[in-house]
């Protein structure tokens, strides 16, 4: 139902339309006055059984008027219609009257506020000349179906001016009334606005209290409310104190009883976090909320997540830019937390401490890679290499000689620009990615051991943890060992050849690819252990579970005799019902899927960690391209304009591509490595969050 102000505004818009129709239709009538006689003769020839008019006085009935043609009977309808409907409107009138009408139109000239919708639209003023009551009824129905507004317009100019003046006066009065109403409304809203937030919070609190009371059960015998809920163990004493204070303040005759209950339901999960660890916990919860008393991956993700990001993003120049952005968000923390931010800014502000750690680790990895916007620096001393000849260029050398001890920290700057730079960095980062992947996957399996040990699940330790550790480390742990031995000994062995022929020809001669004594025998042993680990994971656990289930319910499948009306399976918690719940085929299929997933995942997950190498290489090469092809190229010209343009383009490319798109890309890849490769080794994530009743959370709750 519209308010009074809405009705006044609608009336005001209708009068504006009427004023416009008076102006435009009056012009059409004046220009059509000379053509009225010819129009009348044309209608007389085509219309039979026409009705006799009562003089030449104009008839005003629902916007329909007789013309000025004496006793001729020519009438007209004037109104206004949407410009987009004018053509279809004219065609429909022509067909409905079989051409026995004359349609004139004039554009409104400026957008008109529609009285119904309140939107500004393009409209057209029209005048339809016709004869006869049947034509009149048809035209009015067509006007109504097309949404056209019909207004009465007299033919005489004197009456037109009189009505025009009356409408103008009425519009002036309405403008004054509407302005006064708007001013009064603004004052009322200003007075209410200061109290609205407080009133809203008060209503939300009342609603939340009654909503919680509706969850309680009423005990008729004791005439009290009984409620069941969850609370953290550390908060029991605080809850008891609060309940006692509530009893005293309310002057209740019956005290509140706080009693612990035993239940078979799984409790909700609650992790105590602060503003630093909350963002990491949200990242883990986006994958799935932990079960009750399940190992929390967020503890380890505080370090591993920003570190894996930095491995892909390693550049201490870009890391400093990220660090400055994170520090700005942290230093303006109080101000930004009280403001309403956009979606992107709110996401960045919520993860400000994640960005801080990512920046710090990026600076660390950038120092290892020795890259500052792709430029190496001699920060930790002189290079260990020099040119073979004094005249050679350090950037494009034909060969380097080692003249001193290795570079103290990170990659030697002399590798930059050499012919072996890309092969060296590719080999380094690829092997480093495999080492990190094997280490993190082993961490995930070790966490599954501690989780099983905490819950007293010896079957998972014997038939899941042990074979998984054997299988993973027999293959990829051995590969990580070969990488470390090759780095320490400086061997030229081909590790691709070693791993491939470990499966194709285990007893074959290694030749130059032998890294240590007894390597062939160790490879055969590891291969056999990996083969044994697969059935070890697959078969024992389902059969042992079946045996334990039979032993547990042996002798308990029969119950005491009852009446003939008793159904032995009517109670869901009966021994027979629980006995029938165990489905061996389902357990075996689940274990088979889990085993196959781990075996295939050990290969695919290790390969997935190579994204660390790929993204690190892509980031480094993009930085090099922007530095050499934009900044250095522009700096080679003598023109200050070219140098400035090159610097601006380099800054924008660095900011939007390397600091925004590459940051997002590395973040998503680090997220995938944690969700898929790390957390699936031990994390179920099928719990539900603990959501306490809190007035403090109502301010942020939009529901």
Foldseek 3Di string as FASTA:
>chain_A
DDDPLLVLLLVLLVLVQQLLQLVVVLVVLVVCVVVPVVLLVVLVVVDPPFDWDDWQAWDADLQKTADRPTRSQKIKWKWKAAPVCVVVLVVVLCVVVVNQKDKDKDWSPAFGQNSPPRDTGTMMIMMMIHGHPVSVVVNVVSCVVRVIRIDHHDNDPVVSVVVSVVSVVVSVVSVVVSVVVVVVVVVVCVVCVVCVLVVVLVVLVVVLVVVVQVQWDADPVVRDTDDDDDDDPVCPVVVVVVQVVVCVVVVDPDGDDDDDDDDPDFHFDDDDDDLQLPVLQVLVCVLFAFGHPADRCSVVCSQLLLLLLLLLQAALQLLVVLQVVLVVLVVCVVVVVPDDDDPVVVVCSSCSNVSNSNSVSSNVSNVQQQHHLLAHDLPQHAAQWDAPDPPADLLEGPDIDGDDDHRPGHDGNSLHNYPCNVVVLLVVSQLVLLLVLLVLLLVLLVSQVVRCVVVVNVCCVQQPSVLLVLQLCLQSVVLNVLVVLCVVVVAPADSVVVNVCLVVPLQDDRPSNDRDPPPSVSSVVSVVSNVVSLVSQQPDPLVVVVVVLCVVCPPQLDDDDDDPPDDPVPDCPGSNNVSVVDDSVVVNVVSNVVSVCSNVCSVVLSVLSSVSSVSNVVLSVVSVCLCVVQQVVQVVDPDPVSNVVSVVVSVVCCVPPSNPVSSVVSSVSSSCNCSPSRCVSRGDNHRHHDDDDDSVCSSVDPD
